[in-house]
């Protein structure tokens, strides 16, 4: 399918995990993709692979975020899709009783403030065009609670969800759609690193997934491509769950 032919997409965190899989999928569907990441070596390689462009950006920096969209617009002439995906989940973010203020603030900056900055500076481009699709990576944890807490991560993703809903409503009549993508646990390096240090935690989480496995990054990328396309033209201000049934489960299959 070439649902995104001649569209320009900016993907933050595009050098690995969900961002990498999504950059590839959007390119396959015809988009020109700008990968924004701190990893210059991998990011540049991926950009070359998919026929796109790379820009080094710290998404917590207002200057970098503004420059990122300016680069995309100057390079390709528009900014039609913004996949605000960059995020962290460090091991020091745990129970509220043990998570320090520095860890709390760092996760909020990367996971929530970055999305605020990305939306703030991409929306004017979309207003000028009269159209655009913004997909913000939240999480299924934004709609559920867990006894195995990552308190700042959970709070940050709840903030992304609420902000996406508000922006989706505010800018709907300007042709700009804003949705919160809420993945379940995804088989990415971030999750692998987290669970390698605590296999018991991984087992405790896996048992709650009705499908009995973690998602693959390509499955999340497919959801992003849908939300970015005109196939999702009447979807905005939504929490788009791609979680293997977790949020709908009371008791999972044996």
C-alpha atoms as a PDB file:
ATOM      1  CA  UNK A   1       0.000   0.000   0.000  1.00  0.00           C
ATOM      2  CA  UNK A   2       1.096   3.558  -0.677  1.00  0.00           C
ATOM      3  CA  UNK A   3      -1.297   5.332   1.658  1.00  0.00           C
ATOM      4  CA  UNK A   4       1.336   7.923   2.568  1.00  0.00           C
ATOM      5  CA  UNK A   5       2.659   8.790  -0.879  1.00  0.00           C
ATOM      6  CA  UNK A   6       4.231  12.279  -0.913  1.00  0.00           C
ATOM      7  CA  UNK A   7       3.653  12.785   2.818  1.00  0.00           C
ATOM      8  CA  UNK A   8       6.494  13.902   5.079  1.00  0.00           C
ATOM      9  CA  UNK A   9       6.877  12.243   8.471  1.00  0.00           C
ATOM     10  CA  UNK A  10       9.092  13.068  11.441  1.00  0.00           C
ATOM     11  CA  UNK A  11       9.775  10.159  13.786  1.00  0.00           C
ATOM     12  CA  UNK A  12      11.463  10.834  17.121  1.00  0.00           C
ATOM     13  CA  UNK A  13      13.419   7.967  18.623  1.00  0.00           C
ATOM     14  CA  UNK A  14      13.608   6.635  15.092  1.00  0.00           C
ATOM     15  CA  UNK A  15      16.921   4.799  15.423  1.00  0.00           C
ATOM     16  CA  UNK A  16      15.624   1.870  17.469  1.00  0.00           C
ATOM     17  CA  UNK A  17      12.612  -0.093  18.669  1.00  0.00           C
ATOM     18  CA  UNK A  18       9.150   1.122  17.739  1.00  0.00           C
ATOM     19  CA  UNK A  19      10.555   4.250  16.108  1.00  0.00           C
ATOM     20  CA  UNK A  20      12.833   2.265  13.806  1.00  0.00           C
ATOM     21  CA  UNK A  21      10.081  -0.162  12.784  1.00  0.00           C
ATOM     22  CA  UNK A  22       7.736   2.758  12.162  1.00  0.00           C
ATOM     23  CA  UNK A  23      10.238   4.717  10.083  1.00  0.00           C
ATOM     24  CA  UNK A  24      10.610   1.676   7.846  1.00  0.00           C
ATOM     25  CA  UNK A  25       6.853   1.124   7.612  1.00  0.00           C
ATOM     26  CA  UNK A  26       6.065   4.751   6.777  1.00  0.00           C
ATOM     27  CA  UNK A  27       8.722   4.736   4.077  1.00  0.00           C
ATOM     28  CA  UNK A  28       7.281   1.524   2.643  1.00  0.00           C
ATOM     29  CA  UNK A  29       3.924   3.294   2.399  1.00  0.00           C
ATOM     30  CA  UNK A  30       5.438   6.136   0.395  1.00  0.00           C
ATOM     31  CA  UNK A  31       6.353   8.748   3.007  1.00  0.00           C
ATOM     32  CA  UNK A  32       9.545  10.756   3.131  1.00  0.00           C
ATOM     33  CA  UNK A  33      10.791  10.120   6.656  1.00  0.00           C
ATOM     34  CA  UNK A  34      12.980  12.317   8.842  1.00  0.00           C
ATOM     35  CA  UNK A  35      14.504  10.313  11.667  1.00  0.00           C
ATOM     36  CA  UNK A  36      15.256  12.313  14.801  1.00  0.00           C
ATOM     37  CA  UNK A  37      17.474  10.682  17.398  1.00  0.00           C
ATOM     38  CA  UNK A  38      20.582  11.149  19.516  1.00  0.00           C
ATOM     39  CA  UNK A  39      22.239   8.114  17.912  1.00  0.00           C
ATOM     40  CA  UNK A  40      23.835   9.684  14.857  1.00  0.00           C
ATOM     41  CA  UNK A  41      25.495   6.530  13.541  1.00  0.00           C
ATOM     42  CA  UNK A  42      22.449   4.271  13.605  1.00  0.00           C
ATOM     43  CA  UNK A  43      20.019   7.044  12.732  1.00  0.00           C
ATOM     44  CA  UNK A  44      21.987   8.107   9.670  1.00  0.00           C
ATOM     45  CA  UNK A  45      22.266   4.491   8.545  1.00  0.00           C
ATOM     46  CA  UNK A  46      18.534   3.938   8.804  1.00  0.00           C
ATOM     47  CA  UNK A  47      17.828   7.180   6.962  1.00  0.00           C
ATOM     48  CA  UNK A  48      20.051   6.031   4.111  1.00  0.00           C
ATOM     49  CA  UNK A  49      18.376   2.615   4.101  1.00  0.00           C
ATOM     50  CA  UNK A  50      14.871   4.045   3.707  1.00  0.00           C
ATOM     51  CA  UNK A  51      15.733   6.976   1.466  1.00  0.00           C
ATOM     52  CA  UNK A  52      14.977   9.554   4.134  1.00  0.00           C
ATOM     53  CA  UNK A  53      16.957  12.030   6.200  1.00  0.00           C
ATOM     54  CA  UNK A  54      18.436  12.162   9.688  1.00  0.00           C
ATOM     55  CA  UNK A  55      18.594  15.005  12.169  1.00  0.00           C
ATOM     56  CA  UNK A  56      20.259  14.788  15.554  1.00  0.00           C
ATOM     57  CA  UNK A  57      17.828  16.052  18.159  1.00  0.00           C
ATOM     58  CA  UNK A  58      17.479  16.027  21.919  1.00  0.00           C
ATOM     59  CA  UNK A  59      13.702  16.064  22.236  1.00  0.00           C
ATOM     60  CA  UNK A  60      13.901  17.703  25.666  1.00  0.00           C
ATOM     61  CA  UNK A  61      15.563  20.739  24.054  1.00  0.00           C
ATOM     62  CA  UNK A  62      13.238  23.431  22.744  1.00  0.00           C
ATOM     63  CA  UNK A  63      15.956  24.612  20.356  1.00  0.00           C
ATOM     64  CA  UNK A  64      16.507  21.121  18.946  1.00  0.00           C
ATOM     65  CA  UNK A  65      12.802  20.428  18.489  1.00  0.00           C
ATOM     66  CA  UNK A  66      12.233  23.673  16.600  1.00  0.00           C
ATOM     67  CA  UNK A  67      15.263  22.971  14.415  1.00  0.00           C
ATOM     68  CA  UNK A  68      14.076  19.401  13.776  1.00  0.00           C
ATOM     69  CA  UNK A  69      10.802  20.512  12.201  1.00  0.00           C
ATOM     70  CA  UNK A  70      12.462  23.386  10.386  1.00  0.00           C
ATOM     71  CA  UNK A  71      14.888  20.894   8.852  1.00  0.00           C
ATOM     72  CA  UNK A  72      12.065  18.585   7.770  1.00  0.00           C
ATOM     73  CA  UNK A  73      10.115  21.435   6.198  1.00  0.00           C
ATOM     74  CA  UNK A  74      13.126  22.904   4.423  1.00  0.00           C
ATOM     75  CA  UNK A  75      14.208  19.480   3.153  1.00  0.00           C
ATOM     76  CA  UNK A  76      10.865  18.143   1.928  1.00  0.00           C
ATOM     77  CA  UNK A  77       8.462  21.102   1.853  1.00  0.00           C
ATOM     78  CA  UNK A  78       5.909  20.006   4.452  1.00  0.00           C
ATOM     79  CA  UNK A  79       5.415  18.213   7.749  1.00  0.00           C
ATOM     80  CA  UNK A  80       2.370  15.974   7.430  1.00  0.00           C
ATOM     81  CA  UNK A  81       2.973  13.326  10.109  1.00  0.00           C
ATOM     82  CA  UNK A  82       4.580  13.658  13.516  1.00  0.00           C
ATOM     83  CA  UNK A  83       5.216  10.452  15.422  1.00  0.00           C
ATOM     84  CA  UNK A  84       6.328  11.669  18.843  1.00  0.00           C
ATOM     85  CA  UNK A  85       7.749   8.438  20.127  1.00  0.00           C
ATOM     86  CA  UNK A  86      11.033   9.022  21.985  1.00  0.00           C
ATOM     87  CA  UNK A  87      10.937   7.804  25.569  1.00  0.00           C
ATOM     88  CA  UNK A  88      12.845   6.145  28.394  1.00  0.00           C
ATOM     89  CA  UNK A  89      12.088   3.659  31.145  1.00  0.00           C
ATOM     90  CA  UNK A  90      15.150   3.541  33.426  1.00  0.00           C
ATOM     91  CA  UNK A  91      15.474   0.956  36.208  1.00  0.00           C
ATOM     92  CA  UNK A  92      15.703   3.653  38.882  1.00  0.00           C
ATOM     93  CA  UNK A  93      12.072   4.543  38.087  1.00  0.00           C
ATOM     94  CA  UNK A  94      10.281   2.073  40.338  1.00  0.00           C
ATOM     95  CA  UNK A  95       7.943   2.288  43.315  1.00  0.00           C
ATOM     96  CA  UNK A  96       7.039   5.769  44.492  1.00  0.00           C
ATOM     97  CA  UNK A  97       8.705   4.801  47.780  1.00  0.00           C
ATOM     98  CA  UNK A  98      12.104   4.293  46.165  1.00  0.00           C
ATOM     99  CA  UNK A  99      12.114   6.518  43.075  1.00  0.00           C
ATOM    100  CA  UNK A 100      14.161   9.656  43.608  1.00  0.00           C
ATOM    101  CA  UNK A 101      13.212  13.117  42.441  1.00  0.00           C
ATOM    102  CA  UNK A 102      15.990  13.236  39.847  1.00  0.00           C
ATOM    103  CA  UNK A 103      14.740  10.019  38.222  1.00  0.00           C
ATOM    104  CA  UNK A 104      11.157  11.299  38.354  1.00  0.00           C
ATOM    105  CA  UNK A 105      12.086  14.549  36.628  1.00  0.00           C
ATOM    106  CA  UNK A 106      14.256  12.917  33.968  1.00  0.00           C
ATOM    107  CA  UNK A 107      11.479  10.538  32.881  1.00  0.00           C
ATOM    108  CA  UNK A 108       8.935  13.378  32.824  1.00  0.00           C
ATOM    109  CA  UNK A 109      11.262  15.485  30.678  1.00  0.00           C
ATOM    110  CA  UNK A 110      11.914  12.788  28.093  1.00  0.00           C
ATOM    111  CA  UNK A 111       8.480  11.154  28.017  1.00  0.00           C
ATOM    112  CA  UNK A 112       6.087  14.057  28.546  1.00  0.00           C
ATOM    113  CA  UNK A 113       7.773  17.428  28.127  1.00  0.00           C
ATOM    114  CA  UNK A 114       9.256  16.265  24.818  1.00  0.00           C
ATOM    115  CA  UNK A 115       5.779  15.476  23.486  1.00  0.00           C
ATOM    116  CA  UNK A 116       4.592  18.904  24.600  1.00  0.00           C
ATOM    117  CA  UNK A 117       7.490  20.514  22.723  1.00  0.00           C
ATOM    118  CA  UNK A 118       7.008  18.380  19.617  1.00  0.00           C
ATOM    119  CA  UNK A 119       3.305  19.167  19.421  1.00  0.00           C
ATOM    120  CA  UNK A 120       3.868  22.856  20.152  1.00  0.00           C
ATOM    121  CA  UNK A 121       6.274  23.288  17.270  1.00  0.00           C
ATOM    122  CA  UNK A 122       4.754  20.982  14.653  1.00  0.00           C
ATOM    123  CA  UNK A 123       1.177  22.234  14.893  1.00  0.00           C
ATOM    124  CA  UNK A 124       1.908  25.622  13.236  1.00  0.00           C
ATOM    125  CA  UNK A 125       3.237  23.812  10.141  1.00  0.00           C
ATOM    126  CA  UNK A 126       0.089  21.714  10.030  1.00  0.00           C
ATOM    127  CA  UNK A 127      -2.127  24.761  10.522  1.00  0.00           C
ATOM    128  CA  UNK A 128      -0.498  26.420   7.524  1.00  0.00           C
ATOM    129  CA  UNK A 129      -1.076  23.276   5.428  1.00  0.00           C
ATOM    130  CA  UNK A 130      -4.615  22.744   6.681  1.00  0.00           C
ATOM    131  CA  UNK A 131      -3.932  19.127   7.591  1.00  0.00           C
ATOM    132  CA  UNK A 132      -1.732  16.836   9.630  1.00  0.00           C
ATOM    133  CA  UNK A 133      -1.625  13.739  11.786  1.00  0.00           C
ATOM    134  CA  UNK A 134       0.108  13.652  15.161  1.00  0.00           C
ATOM    135  CA  UNK A 135       0.590  10.324  16.892  1.00  0.00           C
ATOM    136  CA  UNK A 136       1.938  10.471  20.429  1.00  0.00           C
ATOM    137  CA  UNK A 137       3.261   7.329  22.080  1.00  0.00           C
ATOM    138  CA  UNK A 138       1.483   6.826  25.380  1.00  0.00           C
ATOM    139  CA  UNK A 139       1.053   3.305  26.815  1.00  0.00           C
ATOM    140  CA  UNK A 140      -1.510   0.861  28.078  1.00  0.00           C
ATOM    141  CA  UNK A 141      -0.268   1.804  31.568  1.00  0.00           C
ATOM    142  CA  UNK A 142      -1.987   5.161  31.035  1.00  0.00           C
ATOM    143  CA  UNK A 143      -5.342   3.391  31.429  1.00  0.00           C
ATOM    144  CA  UNK A 144      -4.437   0.724  34.015  1.00  0.00           C
ATOM    145  CA  UNK A 145      -2.624   0.350  37.311  1.00  0.00           C
ATOM    146  CA  UNK A 146       0.211  -2.035  38.143  1.00  0.00           C
ATOM    147  CA  UNK A 147       1.569  -3.351  41.418  1.00  0.00           C
ATOM    148  CA  UNK A 148       4.974  -3.598  39.686  1.00  0.00           C
ATOM    149  CA  UNK A 149       5.146   0.168  39.385  1.00  0.00           C
ATOM    150  CA  UNK A 150       7.308   2.468  37.306  1.00  0.00           C
ATOM    151  CA  UNK A 151       5.734   5.513  38.842  1.00  0.00           C
ATOM    152  CA  UNK A 152       7.169   8.319  36.716  1.00  0.00           C
ATOM    153  CA  UNK A 153       6.783   6.354  33.477  1.00  0.00           C
ATOM    154  CA  UNK A 154       3.136   5.630  34.284  1.00  0.00           C
ATOM    155  CA  UNK A 155       2.431   9.248  35.200  1.00  0.00           C
ATOM    156  CA  UNK A 156       4.201  10.547  32.099  1.00  0.00           C
ATOM    157  CA  UNK A 157       2.190   8.301  29.796  1.00  0.00           C
ATOM    158  CA  UNK A 158      -1.037   9.368  31.494  1.00  0.00           C
ATOM    159  CA  UNK A 159      -0.019  12.941  30.742  1.00  0.00           C
ATOM    160  CA  UNK A 160       0.632  12.104  27.086  1.00  0.00           C
ATOM    161  CA  UNK A 161      -2.803  10.525  26.826  1.00  0.00           C
ATOM    162  CA  UNK A 162      -4.596  13.506  28.370  1.00  0.00           C
ATOM    163  CA  UNK A 163      -2.639  16.043  26.334  1.00  0.00           C
ATOM    164  CA  UNK A 164      -3.283  14.170  23.088  1.00  0.00           C
ATOM    165  CA  UNK A 165      -7.010  14.099  23.791  1.00  0.00           C
ATOM    166  CA  UNK A 166      -7.073  17.830  24.459  1.00  0.00           C
ATOM    167  CA  UNK A 167      -5.088  18.730  21.353  1.00  0.00           C
ATOM    168  CA  UNK A 168      -7.205  16.425  19.233  1.00  0.00           C
ATOM    169  CA  UNK A 169     -10.302  18.316  20.296  1.00  0.00           C
ATOM    170  CA  UNK A 170      -8.740  21.772  20.070  1.00  0.00           C
ATOM    171  CA  UNK A 171      -7.415  21.453  16.521  1.00  0.00           C
ATOM    172  CA  UNK A 172      -9.963  19.076  14.965  1.00  0.00           C
ATOM    173  CA  UNK A 173     -11.602  21.757  12.812  1.00  0.00           C
ATOM    174  CA  UNK A 174      -8.248  22.802  11.388  1.00  0.00           C
ATOM    175  CA  UNK A 175      -7.711  19.416   9.779  1.00  0.00           C
ATOM    176  CA  UNK A 176      -5.214  18.275  12.412  1.00  0.00           C
ATOM    177  CA  UNK A 177      -5.745  14.893  14.038  1.00  0.00           C
ATOM    178  CA  UNK A 178      -4.010  14.048  17.318  1.00  0.00           C
ATOM    179  CA  UNK A 179      -4.140  10.553  18.762  1.00  0.00           C
ATOM    180  CA  UNK A 180      -2.445   8.706  21.605  1.00  0.00           C
ATOM    181  CA  UNK A 181      -1.033   5.330  20.665  1.00  0.00           C
ATOM    182  CA  UNK A 182      -1.181   3.003  23.676  1.00  0.00           C
ATOM    183  CA  UNK A 183       0.981  -0.078  23.080  1.00  0.00           C
ATOM    184  CA  UNK A 184       1.170  -3.051  25.380  1.00  0.00           C
ATOM    185  CA  UNK A 185       4.631  -4.425  26.246  1.00  0.00           C
ATOM    186  CA  UNK A 186       6.712  -4.544  23.076  1.00  0.00           C
ATOM    187  CA  UNK A 187       9.661  -6.790  22.324  1.00  0.00           C
ATOM    188  CA  UNK A 188      12.206  -3.970  21.990  1.00  0.00           C
ATOM    189  CA  UNK A 189      15.721  -3.446  23.376  1.00  0.00           C
ATOM    190  CA  UNK A 190      14.244  -1.174  26.065  1.00  0.00           C
ATOM    191  CA  UNK A 191      11.927  -3.888  27.373  1.00  0.00           C
ATOM    192  CA  UNK A 192      14.533  -6.627  26.966  1.00  0.00           C
ATOM    193  CA  UNK A 193      17.026  -4.655  29.038  1.00  0.00           C
ATOM    194  CA  UNK A 194      14.466  -3.961  31.738  1.00  0.00           C
ATOM    195  CA  UNK A 195      13.287  -7.559  32.034  1.00  0.00           C
ATOM    196  CA  UNK A 196      16.735  -9.140  31.677  1.00  0.00           C
ATOM    197  CA  UNK A 197      17.544  -7.600  35.038  1.00  0.00           C
ATOM    198  CA  UNK A 198      14.369  -8.966  36.612  1.00  0.00           C
ATOM    199  CA  UNK A 199      12.965 -12.122  34.914  1.00  0.00           C
ATOM    200  CA  UNK A 200      10.372 -12.480  37.668  1.00  0.00           C
ATOM    201  CA  UNK A 201       8.916  -9.093  36.747  1.00  0.00           C
ATOM    202  CA  UNK A 202       8.733 -10.154  33.108  1.00  0.00           C
ATOM    203  CA  UNK A 203       6.904 -13.361  34.023  1.00  0.00           C
ATOM    204  CA  UNK A 204       4.451 -11.468  36.218  1.00  0.00           C
ATOM    205  CA  UNK A 205       3.567  -9.184  33.339  1.00  0.00           C
ATOM    206  CA  UNK A 206       3.411 -11.795  30.600  1.00  0.00           C
ATOM    207  CA  UNK A 207       0.731 -13.806  32.393  1.00  0.00           C
ATOM    208  CA  UNK A 208      -1.673 -10.846  32.100  1.00  0.00           C
ATOM    209  CA  UNK A 209      -1.546 -10.702  28.292  1.00  0.00           C
ATOM    210  CA  UNK A 210      -4.424 -12.705  26.775  1.00  0.00           C
ATOM    211  CA  UNK A 211      -2.439 -13.327  23.580  1.00  0.00           C
ATOM    212  CA  UNK A 212       0.364 -14.828  25.671  1.00  0.00           C
ATOM    213  CA  UNK A 213       3.237 -12.836  24.184  1.00  0.00           C
ATOM    214  CA  UNK A 214       4.715  -9.371  23.886  1.00  0.00           C
ATOM    215  CA  UNK A 215       4.029  -7.299  20.776  1.00  0.00           C
ATOM    216  CA  UNK A 216       6.537  -6.962  17.965  1.00  0.00           C
ATOM    217  CA  UNK A 217       7.612  -3.469  16.996  1.00  0.00           C
ATOM    218  CA  UNK A 218       6.305  -4.031  13.459  1.00  0.00           C
ATOM    219  CA  UNK A 219       2.795  -4.549  14.853  1.00  0.00           C
ATOM    220  CA  UNK A 220       2.906  -1.172  16.566  1.00  0.00           C
ATOM    221  CA  UNK A 221       4.320   0.398  13.405  1.00  0.00           C
ATOM    222  CA  UNK A 222       1.309  -0.879  11.467  1.00  0.00           C
ATOM    223  CA  UNK A 223      -0.980   0.949  13.883  1.00  0.00           C
ATOM    224  CA  UNK A 224       0.994   4.164  13.446  1.00  0.00           C
ATOM    225  CA  UNK A 225       0.776   3.880   9.664  1.00  0.00           C
ATOM    226  CA  UNK A 226      -2.998   3.470   9.939  1.00  0.00           C
ATOM    227  CA  UNK A 227      -3.397   6.495  12.226  1.00  0.00           C
ATOM    228  CA  UNK A 228      -1.179   8.561   9.940  1.00  0.00           C
ATOM    229  CA  UNK A 229      -3.198   7.666   6.847  1.00  0.00           C
ATOM    230  CA  UNK A 230      -6.523   8.857   5.464  1.00  0.00           C
ATOM    231  CA  UNK A 231      -7.967   5.494   6.498  1.00  0.00           C
ATOM    232  CA  UNK A 232      -8.124   7.054   9.977  1.00  0.00           C
ATOM    233  CA  UNK A 233      -9.628  10.339   8.757  1.00  0.00           C
ATOM    234  CA  UNK A 234     -12.415  10.338  11.375  1.00  0.00           C
ATOM    235  CA  UNK A 235     -10.210   9.302  14.298  1.00  0.00           C
ATOM    236  CA  UNK A 236      -8.894  12.010  16.601  1.00  0.00           C
ATOM    237  CA  UNK A 237      -8.538  12.607  20.352  1.00  0.00           C
ATOM    238  CA  UNK A 238      -8.516   8.824  20.748  1.00  0.00           C
ATOM    239  CA  UNK A 239      -6.644   6.399  22.968  1.00  0.00           C
ATOM    240  CA  UNK A 240      -5.641   3.785  20.410  1.00  0.00           C
ATOM    241  CA  UNK A 241      -4.886   0.607  22.322  1.00  0.00           C
ATOM    242  CA  UNK A 242      -2.664  -2.034  20.713  1.00  0.00           C
ATOM    243  CA  UNK A 243      -2.122  -4.177  23.779  1.00  0.00           C
ATOM    244  CA  UNK A 244      -2.923  -7.803  22.991  1.00  0.00           C
ATOM    245  CA  UNK A 245      -6.096  -7.560  25.060  1.00  0.00           C
ATOM    246  CA  UNK A 246      -4.489  -6.593  28.373  1.00  0.00           C
ATOM    247  CA  UNK A 247      -6.758  -3.660  29.112  1.00  0.00           C
ATOM    248  CA  UNK A 248      -9.863  -5.745  28.440  1.00  0.00           C
ATOM    249  CA  UNK A 249      -8.862  -8.776  30.530  1.00  0.00           C
ATOM    250  CA  UNK A 250     -10.069  -9.876  33.932  1.00  0.00           C
ATOM    251  CA  UNK A 251      -8.854 -13.484  33.813  1.00  0.00           C
ATOM    252  CA  UNK A 252      -6.555 -14.600  30.988  1.00  0.00           C
ATOM    253  CA  UNK A 253      -6.643 -18.004  29.260  1.00  0.00           C
ATOM    254  CA  UNK A 254      -4.807 -20.838  30.977  1.00  0.00           C
END
